[in-house]
N, C-alpha and C. Protein backbone atom coordinates (compact mmCIF):
# COMPACT_ATOMS: atom_id res chain seq x y z
N UNK A 1 -153.31 -46.37 -9.80
CA UNK A 1 -152.33 -47.31 -10.24
C UNK A 1 -150.95 -46.75 -9.94
N UNK A 2 -150.05 -47.62 -9.53
CA UNK A 2 -148.72 -47.15 -9.16
C UNK A 2 -147.82 -47.12 -10.38
N UNK A 3 -146.97 -46.12 -10.40
CA UNK A 3 -146.02 -46.02 -11.50
C UNK A 3 -144.88 -47.01 -11.29
N UNK A 4 -144.34 -47.46 -12.39
CA UNK A 4 -143.19 -48.37 -12.29
C UNK A 4 -141.96 -47.58 -11.84
N UNK A 5 -140.98 -48.29 -11.45
CA UNK A 5 -139.74 -47.64 -11.00
C UNK A 5 -139.15 -46.78 -12.10
N UNK A 6 -139.24 -47.25 -13.33
CA UNK A 6 -138.73 -46.49 -14.47
C UNK A 6 -139.46 -45.17 -14.60
N UNK A 7 -140.78 -45.19 -14.50
CA UNK A 7 -141.57 -43.97 -14.61
C UNK A 7 -141.27 -43.01 -13.47
N UNK A 8 -141.08 -43.54 -12.26
CA UNK A 8 -140.76 -42.69 -11.12
C UNK A 8 -139.41 -42.00 -11.32
N UNK A 9 -138.42 -42.72 -11.84
CA UNK A 9 -137.09 -42.13 -12.08
C UNK A 9 -137.16 -41.09 -13.19
N UNK A 10 -137.98 -41.31 -14.20
CA UNK A 10 -138.13 -40.34 -15.28
C UNK A 10 -138.72 -39.05 -14.75
N UNK A 11 -139.67 -39.13 -13.81
CA UNK A 11 -140.27 -37.94 -13.23
C UNK A 11 -139.27 -37.17 -12.38
N UNK A 12 -138.34 -37.89 -11.78
CA UNK A 12 -137.31 -37.24 -10.96
C UNK A 12 -136.23 -36.56 -11.81
N UNK A 13 -136.18 -36.78 -13.09
CA UNK A 13 -135.23 -36.12 -13.97
C UNK A 13 -134.16 -37.01 -14.55
N UNK A 14 -134.20 -38.27 -14.25
CA UNK A 14 -133.22 -39.17 -14.84
C UNK A 14 -133.54 -39.40 -16.30
N UNK A 15 -132.51 -39.54 -17.10
CA UNK A 15 -132.69 -39.75 -18.54
C UNK A 15 -132.64 -41.23 -18.84
N UNK A 16 -133.35 -41.66 -19.88
CA UNK A 16 -133.29 -43.07 -20.23
C UNK A 16 -131.92 -43.44 -20.78
N UNK A 17 -131.55 -44.68 -20.68
CA UNK A 17 -130.26 -45.14 -21.19
C UNK A 17 -130.24 -45.05 -22.70
N UNK A 18 -129.10 -44.65 -23.28
CA UNK A 18 -129.05 -44.56 -24.74
C UNK A 18 -129.11 -45.94 -25.36
N UNK A 19 -129.68 -45.99 -26.54
CA UNK A 19 -129.81 -47.26 -27.25
C UNK A 19 -128.45 -47.67 -27.81
N UNK A 20 -128.15 -48.95 -27.91
CA UNK A 20 -126.89 -49.38 -28.52
C UNK A 20 -126.77 -48.88 -29.95
N UNK A 21 -125.58 -48.80 -30.46
CA UNK A 21 -125.30 -48.24 -31.78
C UNK A 21 -126.03 -49.00 -32.88
N UNK A 22 -126.15 -50.28 -32.75
CA UNK A 22 -126.78 -51.09 -33.80
C UNK A 22 -128.26 -50.77 -33.94
N UNK A 23 -128.91 -50.33 -32.89
CA UNK A 23 -130.33 -50.07 -32.95
C UNK A 23 -130.65 -48.67 -33.46
N UNK A 24 -129.71 -47.78 -33.50
CA UNK A 24 -129.97 -46.41 -33.95
C UNK A 24 -130.23 -46.38 -35.45
N UNK A 25 -131.04 -45.45 -35.84
CA UNK A 25 -131.33 -45.27 -37.26
C UNK A 25 -130.31 -44.31 -37.83
N UNK A 26 -129.87 -44.54 -39.06
CA UNK A 26 -128.95 -43.58 -39.67
C UNK A 26 -129.64 -42.24 -39.86
N UNK A 27 -128.90 -41.15 -39.63
CA UNK A 27 -129.49 -39.83 -39.73
C UNK A 27 -129.80 -39.46 -41.17
N UNK A 28 -128.93 -39.78 -42.09
CA UNK A 28 -129.15 -39.53 -43.52
C UNK A 28 -128.67 -40.74 -44.31
N UNK A 29 -129.30 -40.94 -45.34
CA UNK A 29 -128.89 -42.05 -46.21
C UNK A 29 -127.85 -41.57 -47.18
N UNK A 30 -127.00 -42.47 -47.59
CA UNK A 30 -126.00 -42.12 -48.59
C UNK A 30 -126.63 -42.21 -49.96
N UNK A 31 -126.29 -41.21 -50.77
CA UNK A 31 -126.85 -41.20 -52.12
C UNK A 31 -125.76 -41.52 -53.12
N UNK A 32 -125.95 -42.53 -53.88
CA UNK A 32 -125.08 -42.94 -54.98
C UNK A 32 -123.62 -43.04 -54.55
N UNK A 33 -123.34 -43.62 -53.39
CA UNK A 33 -121.97 -43.87 -52.97
C UNK A 33 -121.27 -42.68 -52.35
N UNK A 34 -122.00 -41.57 -52.18
CA UNK A 34 -121.38 -40.40 -51.58
C UNK A 34 -121.60 -40.44 -50.08
N UNK A 35 -120.68 -39.88 -49.32
CA UNK A 35 -120.90 -39.81 -47.87
C UNK A 35 -122.08 -38.92 -47.57
N UNK A 36 -122.75 -39.20 -46.46
CA UNK A 36 -123.92 -38.42 -46.10
C UNK A 36 -123.53 -36.97 -45.85
N UNK A 37 -124.45 -36.06 -46.11
CA UNK A 37 -124.21 -34.65 -45.87
C UNK A 37 -123.69 -33.92 -47.07
N UNK A 38 -123.33 -34.61 -48.17
CA UNK A 38 -122.82 -33.92 -49.35
C UNK A 38 -123.96 -33.71 -50.34
N UNK A 39 -124.01 -32.57 -50.87
CA UNK A 39 -125.05 -32.26 -51.85
C UNK A 39 -124.66 -32.83 -53.19
N UNK A 40 -125.68 -33.02 -54.01
CA UNK A 40 -125.39 -33.51 -55.35
C UNK A 40 -124.66 -32.44 -56.14
N UNK A 41 -123.67 -32.86 -56.87
CA UNK A 41 -122.94 -31.93 -57.72
C UNK A 41 -121.80 -31.23 -57.00
N UNK A 42 -121.75 -31.29 -55.66
CA UNK A 42 -120.64 -30.66 -54.93
C UNK A 42 -119.43 -31.59 -55.00
N UNK A 43 -118.25 -31.00 -55.12
CA UNK A 43 -117.07 -31.87 -55.18
C UNK A 43 -116.83 -32.56 -53.84
N UNK A 44 -116.37 -33.79 -53.91
CA UNK A 44 -116.09 -34.56 -52.69
C UNK A 44 -114.87 -33.97 -51.99
N UNK A 45 -114.98 -33.84 -50.65
CA UNK A 45 -113.84 -33.33 -49.88
C UNK A 45 -112.83 -34.44 -49.68
N UNK A 46 -111.58 -34.06 -49.78
CA UNK A 46 -110.51 -35.03 -49.58
C UNK A 46 -109.89 -34.80 -48.21
N UNK A 47 -109.46 -35.85 -47.54
CA UNK A 47 -108.74 -35.64 -46.27
C UNK A 47 -107.47 -34.84 -46.54
N UNK A 48 -107.11 -33.98 -45.58
CA UNK A 48 -105.95 -33.11 -45.79
C UNK A 48 -104.68 -33.94 -45.90
N UNK A 49 -103.79 -33.49 -46.77
CA UNK A 49 -102.50 -34.16 -46.94
C UNK A 49 -102.55 -35.25 -47.98
N UNK A 50 -103.75 -35.72 -48.31
CA UNK A 50 -103.83 -36.81 -49.26
C UNK A 50 -104.12 -36.32 -50.67
N UNK A 51 -104.49 -35.07 -50.80
CA UNK A 51 -104.87 -34.56 -52.09
C UNK A 51 -103.69 -34.20 -52.97
N UNK A 52 -102.56 -33.83 -52.36
CA UNK A 52 -101.44 -33.41 -53.20
C UNK A 52 -100.64 -34.62 -53.66
N UNK A 53 -100.13 -34.57 -54.85
CA UNK A 53 -99.36 -35.72 -55.35
C UNK A 53 -98.03 -35.83 -54.62
N UNK A 54 -97.55 -37.04 -54.47
CA UNK A 54 -96.26 -37.29 -53.81
C UNK A 54 -95.17 -37.42 -54.85
N UNK A 55 -94.02 -36.88 -54.48
CA UNK A 55 -92.85 -37.03 -55.35
C UNK A 55 -92.01 -38.18 -54.81
N UNK A 56 -91.06 -38.63 -55.61
CA UNK A 56 -90.23 -39.76 -55.20
C UNK A 56 -89.40 -39.44 -53.96
N UNK A 57 -88.93 -38.21 -53.80
CA UNK A 57 -88.07 -37.83 -52.70
C UNK A 57 -88.82 -37.56 -51.41
N UNK A 58 -90.15 -37.45 -51.46
CA UNK A 58 -90.92 -37.15 -50.25
C UNK A 58 -91.03 -38.38 -49.36
N UNK A 59 -90.85 -38.16 -48.04
CA UNK A 59 -91.11 -39.21 -47.07
C UNK A 59 -91.99 -38.61 -46.00
N UNK A 60 -92.79 -39.43 -45.38
CA UNK A 60 -93.69 -38.88 -44.37
C UNK A 60 -92.95 -38.70 -43.04
N UNK A 61 -93.57 -37.99 -42.15
CA UNK A 61 -92.97 -37.61 -40.88
C UNK A 61 -92.64 -38.83 -40.02
N UNK A 62 -93.50 -39.81 -40.03
CA UNK A 62 -93.27 -41.04 -39.25
C UNK A 62 -92.00 -41.75 -39.69
N UNK A 63 -91.80 -41.83 -41.01
CA UNK A 63 -90.59 -42.48 -41.52
C UNK A 63 -89.36 -41.68 -41.16
N UNK A 64 -89.45 -40.37 -41.21
CA UNK A 64 -88.31 -39.52 -40.87
C UNK A 64 -87.91 -39.70 -39.41
N UNK A 65 -88.91 -39.75 -38.52
CA UNK A 65 -88.61 -39.98 -37.11
C UNK A 65 -88.01 -41.36 -36.89
N UNK A 66 -88.53 -42.35 -37.59
CA UNK A 66 -88.01 -43.71 -37.46
C UNK A 66 -86.56 -43.79 -37.93
N UNK A 67 -86.27 -43.11 -39.04
CA UNK A 67 -84.89 -43.10 -39.56
C UNK A 67 -83.97 -42.41 -38.58
N UNK A 68 -84.41 -41.28 -38.03
CA UNK A 68 -83.57 -40.55 -37.08
C UNK A 68 -83.35 -41.36 -35.80
N UNK A 69 -84.39 -42.02 -35.30
CA UNK A 69 -84.27 -42.83 -34.09
C UNK A 69 -83.31 -43.99 -34.33
N UNK A 70 -83.39 -44.62 -35.50
CA UNK A 70 -82.49 -45.73 -35.82
C UNK A 70 -81.05 -45.24 -35.92
N UNK A 71 -80.86 -44.06 -36.52
CA UNK A 71 -79.51 -43.49 -36.64
C UNK A 71 -78.93 -43.19 -35.27
N UNK A 72 -79.74 -42.60 -34.38
CA UNK A 72 -79.26 -42.30 -33.02
C UNK A 72 -78.93 -43.58 -32.26
N UNK A 73 -79.75 -44.61 -32.46
CA UNK A 73 -79.49 -45.89 -31.80
C UNK A 73 -78.18 -46.49 -32.30
N UNK A 74 -77.95 -46.44 -33.61
CA UNK A 74 -76.70 -46.96 -34.18
C UNK A 74 -75.50 -46.19 -33.65
N UNK A 75 -75.64 -44.86 -33.52
CA UNK A 75 -74.54 -44.04 -32.99
C UNK A 75 -74.25 -44.39 -31.54
N UNK A 76 -75.30 -44.62 -30.73
CA UNK A 76 -75.09 -45.01 -29.33
C UNK A 76 -74.39 -46.36 -29.24
N UNK A 77 -74.81 -47.29 -30.08
CA UNK A 77 -74.19 -48.63 -30.07
C UNK A 77 -72.73 -48.53 -30.47
N UNK A 78 -72.43 -47.73 -31.51
CA UNK A 78 -71.04 -47.57 -31.95
C UNK A 78 -70.19 -46.90 -30.88
N UNK A 79 -70.75 -45.90 -30.19
CA UNK A 79 -70.02 -45.23 -29.12
C UNK A 79 -69.74 -46.19 -27.97
N UNK A 80 -70.71 -47.04 -27.64
CA UNK A 80 -70.51 -48.01 -26.56
C UNK A 80 -69.45 -49.03 -26.94
N UNK A 81 -69.47 -49.48 -28.19
CA UNK A 81 -68.44 -50.42 -28.65
C UNK A 81 -67.05 -49.78 -28.58
N UNK A 82 -66.95 -48.51 -28.99
CA UNK A 82 -65.66 -47.82 -28.95
C UNK A 82 -65.19 -47.66 -27.51
N UNK A 83 -66.11 -47.33 -26.59
CA UNK A 83 -65.75 -47.18 -25.18
C UNK A 83 -65.26 -48.51 -24.62
N UNK A 84 -65.94 -49.60 -24.97
CA UNK A 84 -65.52 -50.92 -24.50
C UNK A 84 -64.16 -51.31 -25.08
N UNK A 85 -63.93 -50.98 -26.34
CA UNK A 85 -62.64 -51.28 -26.97
C UNK A 85 -61.53 -50.48 -26.31
N UNK A 86 -61.78 -49.19 -26.03
CA UNK A 86 -60.78 -48.36 -25.36
C UNK A 86 -60.46 -48.91 -23.96
N UNK A 87 -61.50 -49.33 -23.24
CA UNK A 87 -61.29 -49.89 -21.90
C UNK A 87 -60.49 -51.19 -21.98
N UNK A 88 -60.77 -52.01 -22.97
CA UNK A 88 -60.03 -53.27 -23.14
C UNK A 88 -58.56 -52.99 -23.44
N UNK A 89 -58.30 -52.03 -24.34
CA UNK A 89 -56.91 -51.70 -24.67
C UNK A 89 -56.18 -51.13 -23.46
N UNK A 90 -56.88 -50.31 -22.67
CA UNK A 90 -56.25 -49.73 -21.47
C UNK A 90 -55.93 -50.83 -20.45
N UNK A 91 -56.84 -51.79 -20.27
CA UNK A 91 -56.57 -52.91 -19.35
C UNK A 91 -55.36 -53.70 -19.81
N UNK A 92 -55.29 -53.97 -21.11
CA UNK A 92 -54.15 -54.71 -21.64
C UNK A 92 -52.85 -53.93 -21.44
N UNK A 93 -52.88 -52.61 -21.67
CA UNK A 93 -51.68 -51.80 -21.49
C UNK A 93 -51.26 -51.77 -20.03
N UNK A 94 -52.23 -51.69 -19.11
CA UNK A 94 -51.89 -51.71 -17.68
C UNK A 94 -51.27 -53.03 -17.28
N UNK A 95 -51.82 -54.13 -17.79
CA UNK A 95 -51.25 -55.45 -17.47
C UNK A 95 -49.83 -55.57 -18.01
N UNK A 96 -49.61 -55.06 -19.22
CA UNK A 96 -48.28 -55.10 -19.82
C UNK A 96 -47.30 -54.23 -19.03
N UNK A 97 -47.76 -53.04 -18.61
CA UNK A 97 -46.91 -52.15 -17.82
C UNK A 97 -46.61 -52.74 -16.46
N UNK A 98 -47.58 -53.40 -15.85
CA UNK A 98 -47.35 -54.04 -14.55
C UNK A 98 -46.26 -55.10 -14.66
N UNK A 99 -46.34 -55.91 -15.71
CA UNK A 99 -45.33 -56.94 -15.93
C UNK A 99 -43.95 -56.30 -16.18
N UNK A 100 -43.92 -55.23 -16.95
CA UNK A 100 -42.67 -54.53 -17.24
C UNK A 100 -42.06 -53.94 -15.96
N UNK A 101 -42.88 -53.31 -15.13
CA UNK A 101 -42.37 -52.68 -13.90
C UNK A 101 -41.87 -53.70 -12.89
N UNK A 102 -42.44 -54.87 -12.87
CA UNK A 102 -41.95 -55.91 -11.95
C UNK A 102 -40.51 -56.29 -12.27
N UNK A 103 -40.15 -56.19 -13.53
CA UNK A 103 -38.78 -56.55 -13.93
C UNK A 103 -37.79 -55.42 -13.72
N UNK A 104 -38.22 -54.16 -13.88
CA UNK A 104 -37.25 -53.06 -13.94
C UNK A 104 -37.30 -52.09 -12.75
N UNK A 105 -38.23 -52.22 -11.84
CA UNK A 105 -38.35 -51.24 -10.76
C UNK A 105 -37.14 -51.28 -9.84
N UNK A 106 -36.79 -50.10 -9.33
CA UNK A 106 -35.61 -49.94 -8.49
C UNK A 106 -35.96 -49.49 -7.07
N UNK A 107 -37.20 -49.59 -6.68
CA UNK A 107 -37.62 -49.15 -5.35
C UNK A 107 -36.87 -49.94 -4.28
N UNK A 108 -36.44 -49.22 -3.23
CA UNK A 108 -35.73 -49.83 -2.10
C UNK A 108 -36.65 -49.74 -0.89
N UNK A 109 -36.99 -50.89 -0.31
CA UNK A 109 -37.91 -50.92 0.83
C UNK A 109 -37.32 -50.26 2.07
N UNK A 110 -35.98 -50.13 2.13
CA UNK A 110 -35.34 -49.52 3.31
C UNK A 110 -35.10 -48.03 3.13
N UNK A 111 -35.50 -47.47 2.00
CA UNK A 111 -35.27 -46.04 1.72
C UNK A 111 -36.08 -45.19 2.69
N UNK A 112 -35.46 -44.12 3.18
CA UNK A 112 -36.12 -43.27 4.18
C UNK A 112 -36.29 -41.82 3.72
N UNK A 113 -35.67 -41.43 2.62
CA UNK A 113 -35.76 -40.04 2.15
C UNK A 113 -37.00 -39.92 1.27
N UNK A 114 -37.87 -38.96 1.61
CA UNK A 114 -39.09 -38.76 0.82
C UNK A 114 -38.82 -37.69 -0.23
N UNK A 115 -39.02 -38.02 -1.50
CA UNK A 115 -38.86 -37.06 -2.61
C UNK A 115 -40.27 -36.69 -3.06
N UNK A 116 -40.66 -35.43 -2.88
CA UNK A 116 -41.99 -34.95 -3.25
C UNK A 116 -41.96 -34.39 -4.68
N UNK A 117 -43.09 -34.56 -5.36
CA UNK A 117 -43.20 -34.06 -6.74
C UNK A 117 -44.67 -33.85 -7.07
N UNK A 118 -44.97 -32.91 -7.95
CA UNK A 118 -46.38 -32.71 -8.35
C UNK A 118 -46.79 -33.72 -9.42
N UNK A 119 -47.98 -34.28 -9.25
CA UNK A 119 -48.51 -35.22 -10.25
C UNK A 119 -50.02 -35.26 -10.10
N UNK A 120 -50.73 -35.06 -11.16
CA UNK A 120 -52.19 -35.12 -11.15
C UNK A 120 -52.82 -34.03 -10.32
N UNK A 121 -52.17 -32.88 -10.26
CA UNK A 121 -52.74 -31.77 -9.51
C UNK A 121 -52.51 -31.85 -8.01
N UNK A 122 -51.76 -32.83 -7.54
CA UNK A 122 -51.47 -32.98 -6.12
C UNK A 122 -49.98 -33.21 -5.93
N UNK A 123 -49.54 -33.03 -4.70
CA UNK A 123 -48.14 -33.30 -4.36
C UNK A 123 -48.05 -34.76 -3.93
N UNK A 124 -47.19 -35.50 -4.61
CA UNK A 124 -46.99 -36.93 -4.32
C UNK A 124 -45.60 -37.12 -3.75
N UNK A 125 -45.33 -38.34 -3.25
CA UNK A 125 -43.99 -38.62 -2.73
C UNK A 125 -43.59 -40.05 -3.01
N UNK A 126 -42.28 -40.24 -3.08
CA UNK A 126 -41.69 -41.57 -3.23
C UNK A 126 -40.49 -41.60 -2.30
N UNK A 127 -40.26 -42.73 -1.66
CA UNK A 127 -39.12 -42.87 -0.76
C UNK A 127 -37.93 -43.42 -1.54
N UNK A 128 -36.79 -42.73 -1.40
CA UNK A 128 -35.57 -43.09 -2.13
C UNK A 128 -34.38 -43.06 -1.18
N UNK A 129 -33.28 -43.64 -1.63
CA UNK A 129 -32.02 -43.54 -0.90
C UNK A 129 -31.32 -42.25 -1.32
N UNK A 130 -30.22 -41.90 -0.67
CA UNK A 130 -29.48 -40.67 -1.00
C UNK A 130 -28.93 -40.73 -2.42
N UNK A 131 -28.40 -41.89 -2.82
CA UNK A 131 -27.87 -42.03 -4.18
C UNK A 131 -29.00 -41.93 -5.22
N UNK A 132 -30.16 -42.55 -4.91
CA UNK A 132 -31.29 -42.48 -5.84
C UNK A 132 -31.84 -41.05 -5.94
N UNK A 133 -31.80 -40.31 -4.82
CA UNK A 133 -32.27 -38.93 -4.84
C UNK A 133 -31.40 -38.08 -5.76
N UNK A 134 -30.08 -38.27 -5.67
CA UNK A 134 -29.17 -37.52 -6.54
C UNK A 134 -29.39 -37.88 -8.00
N UNK A 135 -29.57 -39.18 -8.26
CA UNK A 135 -29.78 -39.63 -9.65
C UNK A 135 -31.15 -39.14 -10.17
N UNK A 136 -32.16 -39.14 -9.31
CA UNK A 136 -33.48 -38.67 -9.71
C UNK A 136 -33.46 -37.18 -10.03
N UNK A 137 -32.77 -36.39 -9.21
CA UNK A 137 -32.66 -34.96 -9.46
C UNK A 137 -31.79 -34.64 -10.67
N UNK A 138 -30.87 -35.55 -10.99
CA UNK A 138 -30.01 -35.36 -12.16
C UNK A 138 -30.70 -35.78 -13.45
N UNK A 139 -31.81 -36.51 -13.35
CA UNK A 139 -32.55 -36.91 -14.55
C UNK A 139 -32.19 -38.28 -15.06
N UNK A 140 -31.35 -39.04 -14.34
CA UNK A 140 -31.01 -40.40 -14.80
C UNK A 140 -32.02 -41.43 -14.31
N UNK A 141 -32.83 -41.07 -13.33
CA UNK A 141 -33.92 -41.93 -12.87
C UNK A 141 -35.25 -41.21 -13.10
N UNK A 142 -36.31 -41.99 -13.12
CA UNK A 142 -37.66 -41.43 -13.33
C UNK A 142 -38.64 -42.15 -12.42
N UNK A 143 -39.82 -41.59 -12.28
CA UNK A 143 -40.87 -42.19 -11.46
C UNK A 143 -42.06 -42.49 -12.37
N UNK A 144 -42.56 -43.72 -12.29
CA UNK A 144 -43.71 -44.17 -13.08
C UNK A 144 -44.83 -44.52 -12.11
N UNK A 145 -46.05 -44.09 -12.44
CA UNK A 145 -47.22 -44.36 -11.61
C UNK A 145 -48.08 -45.44 -12.24
N UNK A 146 -48.48 -46.40 -11.42
CA UNK A 146 -49.40 -47.44 -11.88
C UNK A 146 -50.26 -47.87 -10.70
N UNK A 147 -51.55 -47.76 -10.86
CA UNK A 147 -52.53 -48.19 -9.86
C UNK A 147 -52.28 -47.53 -8.50
N UNK A 148 -51.95 -46.24 -8.51
CA UNK A 148 -51.77 -45.51 -7.27
C UNK A 148 -50.43 -45.71 -6.59
N UNK A 149 -49.55 -46.47 -7.18
CA UNK A 149 -48.21 -46.71 -6.61
C UNK A 149 -47.18 -46.08 -7.52
N UNK A 150 -46.07 -45.65 -6.93
CA UNK A 150 -45.01 -44.97 -7.67
C UNK A 150 -43.78 -45.86 -7.69
N UNK A 151 -43.25 -46.06 -8.90
CA UNK A 151 -42.13 -46.97 -9.10
C UNK A 151 -40.94 -46.18 -9.63
N UNK A 152 -39.78 -46.42 -9.04
CA UNK A 152 -38.55 -45.77 -9.46
C UNK A 152 -37.90 -46.63 -10.54
N UNK A 153 -37.61 -46.03 -11.70
CA UNK A 153 -37.01 -46.75 -12.82
C UNK A 153 -35.94 -45.87 -13.46
N UNK A 154 -35.17 -46.44 -14.37
CA UNK A 154 -34.19 -45.62 -15.10
C UNK A 154 -34.94 -44.71 -16.07
N UNK A 155 -34.25 -43.69 -16.56
CA UNK A 155 -34.89 -42.74 -17.48
C UNK A 155 -35.34 -43.45 -18.77
N UNK A 156 -34.52 -44.40 -19.26
CA UNK A 156 -34.89 -45.13 -20.48
C UNK A 156 -36.12 -46.00 -20.24
N UNK A 157 -36.18 -46.65 -19.07
CA UNK A 157 -37.35 -47.47 -18.74
C UNK A 157 -38.58 -46.59 -18.54
N UNK A 158 -38.41 -45.37 -18.04
CA UNK A 158 -39.53 -44.44 -17.90
C UNK A 158 -40.11 -44.08 -19.26
N UNK A 159 -39.23 -43.89 -20.25
CA UNK A 159 -39.70 -43.59 -21.61
C UNK A 159 -40.46 -44.78 -22.19
N UNK A 160 -39.96 -46.01 -21.92
CA UNK A 160 -40.66 -47.20 -22.40
C UNK A 160 -42.03 -47.34 -21.71
N UNK A 161 -42.07 -47.04 -20.41
CA UNK A 161 -43.35 -47.12 -19.68
C UNK A 161 -44.35 -46.12 -20.25
N UNK A 162 -43.88 -44.92 -20.59
CA UNK A 162 -44.76 -43.91 -21.19
C UNK A 162 -45.26 -44.39 -22.55
N UNK A 163 -44.43 -45.12 -23.30
CA UNK A 163 -44.85 -45.65 -24.60
C UNK A 163 -45.90 -46.75 -24.43
N UNK A 164 -45.79 -47.54 -23.37
CA UNK A 164 -46.75 -48.62 -23.12
C UNK A 164 -48.10 -48.05 -22.69
N UNK A 165 -48.08 -47.11 -21.73
CA UNK A 165 -49.31 -46.53 -21.21
C UNK A 165 -49.11 -45.03 -21.06
N UNK A 166 -49.84 -44.27 -21.85
CA UNK A 166 -49.71 -42.81 -21.81
C UNK A 166 -50.05 -42.28 -20.43
N UNK A 167 -49.43 -41.21 -20.05
CA UNK A 167 -49.64 -40.53 -18.75
C UNK A 167 -49.20 -41.36 -17.56
N UNK A 168 -48.37 -42.36 -17.76
CA UNK A 168 -47.89 -43.15 -16.62
C UNK A 168 -46.59 -42.58 -16.05
N UNK A 169 -45.90 -41.76 -16.81
CA UNK A 169 -44.64 -41.16 -16.33
C UNK A 169 -44.99 -40.01 -15.40
N UNK A 170 -44.68 -40.18 -14.12
CA UNK A 170 -45.05 -39.18 -13.12
C UNK A 170 -43.98 -38.13 -12.92
N UNK A 171 -42.72 -38.51 -13.01
CA UNK A 171 -41.63 -37.56 -12.78
C UNK A 171 -40.44 -37.93 -13.64
N UNK A 172 -39.99 -36.97 -14.42
CA UNK A 172 -38.77 -37.10 -15.21
C UNK A 172 -38.12 -35.73 -15.24
N UNK A 173 -37.02 -35.59 -14.55
CA UNK A 173 -36.33 -34.30 -14.48
C UNK A 173 -35.50 -34.15 -15.74
N UNK A 174 -35.62 -32.98 -16.39
CA UNK A 174 -34.81 -32.69 -17.57
C UNK A 174 -33.54 -32.00 -17.10
N UNK A 175 -32.38 -32.67 -17.23
CA UNK A 175 -31.13 -32.07 -16.74
C UNK A 175 -30.71 -30.84 -17.54
N UNK A 176 -31.17 -30.70 -18.76
CA UNK A 176 -30.77 -29.56 -19.60
C UNK A 176 -31.72 -28.37 -19.48
N UNK A 177 -32.77 -28.50 -18.68
CA UNK A 177 -33.72 -27.41 -18.55
C UNK A 177 -33.10 -26.27 -17.75
N UNK A 178 -33.25 -25.03 -18.23
CA UNK A 178 -32.70 -23.90 -17.48
C UNK A 178 -33.50 -23.70 -16.20
N UNK A 179 -32.89 -23.21 -15.16
CA UNK A 179 -33.65 -22.98 -13.93
C UNK A 179 -34.71 -21.90 -14.15
N UNK A 180 -35.81 -22.08 -13.51
CA UNK A 180 -36.93 -21.15 -13.68
C UNK A 180 -36.62 -19.84 -12.97
N UNK A 181 -36.76 -18.73 -13.69
CA UNK A 181 -36.46 -17.42 -13.12
C UNK A 181 -37.64 -16.89 -12.29
N UNK A 182 -38.84 -17.23 -12.70
CA UNK A 182 -39.98 -16.64 -12.01
C UNK A 182 -40.21 -17.26 -10.64
N UNK A 183 -39.89 -18.55 -10.45
CA UNK A 183 -40.06 -19.17 -9.14
C UNK A 183 -38.92 -18.73 -8.23
N UNK A 184 -39.26 -18.13 -7.16
CA UNK A 184 -38.29 -17.70 -6.15
C UNK A 184 -37.22 -16.79 -6.74
N UNK A 185 -37.60 -15.86 -7.57
CA UNK A 185 -36.65 -14.93 -8.17
C UNK A 185 -36.06 -14.00 -7.11
N UNK A 186 -36.79 -13.73 -6.09
CA UNK A 186 -36.31 -12.88 -5.01
C UNK A 186 -35.29 -13.69 -4.19
N UNK A 187 -34.08 -13.16 -3.95
CA UNK A 187 -33.07 -13.92 -3.21
C UNK A 187 -33.51 -14.29 -1.80
N UNK A 188 -34.43 -13.55 -1.24
CA UNK A 188 -34.88 -13.87 0.12
C UNK A 188 -35.67 -15.17 0.17
N UNK A 189 -36.25 -15.58 -0.99
CA UNK A 189 -37.10 -16.76 -1.00
C UNK A 189 -36.51 -17.92 -1.80
N UNK A 190 -35.24 -17.91 -2.08
CA UNK A 190 -34.63 -19.00 -2.83
C UNK A 190 -34.52 -20.24 -1.95
N UNK A 191 -34.72 -21.40 -2.57
CA UNK A 191 -34.65 -22.66 -1.85
C UNK A 191 -33.21 -23.14 -1.87
N UNK A 192 -32.65 -23.51 -0.73
CA UNK A 192 -31.27 -24.01 -0.72
C UNK A 192 -31.16 -25.31 -1.51
N UNK A 193 -30.01 -25.54 -2.11
CA UNK A 193 -29.80 -26.73 -2.93
C UNK A 193 -29.83 -28.01 -2.13
N UNK A 194 -29.45 -27.94 -0.87
CA UNK A 194 -29.37 -29.17 -0.06
C UNK A 194 -30.66 -29.47 0.70
N UNK A 195 -31.73 -28.71 0.45
CA UNK A 195 -33.00 -28.93 1.14
C UNK A 195 -33.69 -30.16 0.59
N UNK A 196 -34.08 -31.07 1.49
CA UNK A 196 -34.82 -32.28 1.10
C UNK A 196 -36.22 -32.14 1.69
N UNK A 197 -37.21 -32.20 0.85
CA UNK A 197 -38.57 -32.06 1.36
C UNK A 197 -39.45 -33.18 0.87
């Protein structure tokens, strides 16, 4: 008689398929409501962490992480709102300064003398006339920067521009400032007064 396919596979070493969970017999029966495996009279084991009494101030780890995550989220939202508010105020100040400079700027389109000055870590320049150069070096005129352009204004208007938008005043010569001793202290390297650069 020929063996069935199942018998042939069993001889080759294949194992039978496990029975579904519903068909399995329980290994031990529960006695009087106790979990299987516990002896009579032995105290019931409690899951860890659940046996100790909780105090009112205790919170579990999940709640602590949730509270911290919510706090960090609130801080990020508040920081973003503050950044947006700062950007809005800066835009408004720039618009106000632009309107102010249109009324008070003294730039001359025919000016050919370049006046160089340090601003923002670089050497910048503005073109002025001879009279404007003298007034700028004397401190009666100032230079205001807005959107990469340099505007020549009076010293009083330069102060107003600085009040409207901080860091907009690019050049304001102080006529009462003593000459610097450390720059070009050696007579061989002194810059002539009439040098225009």
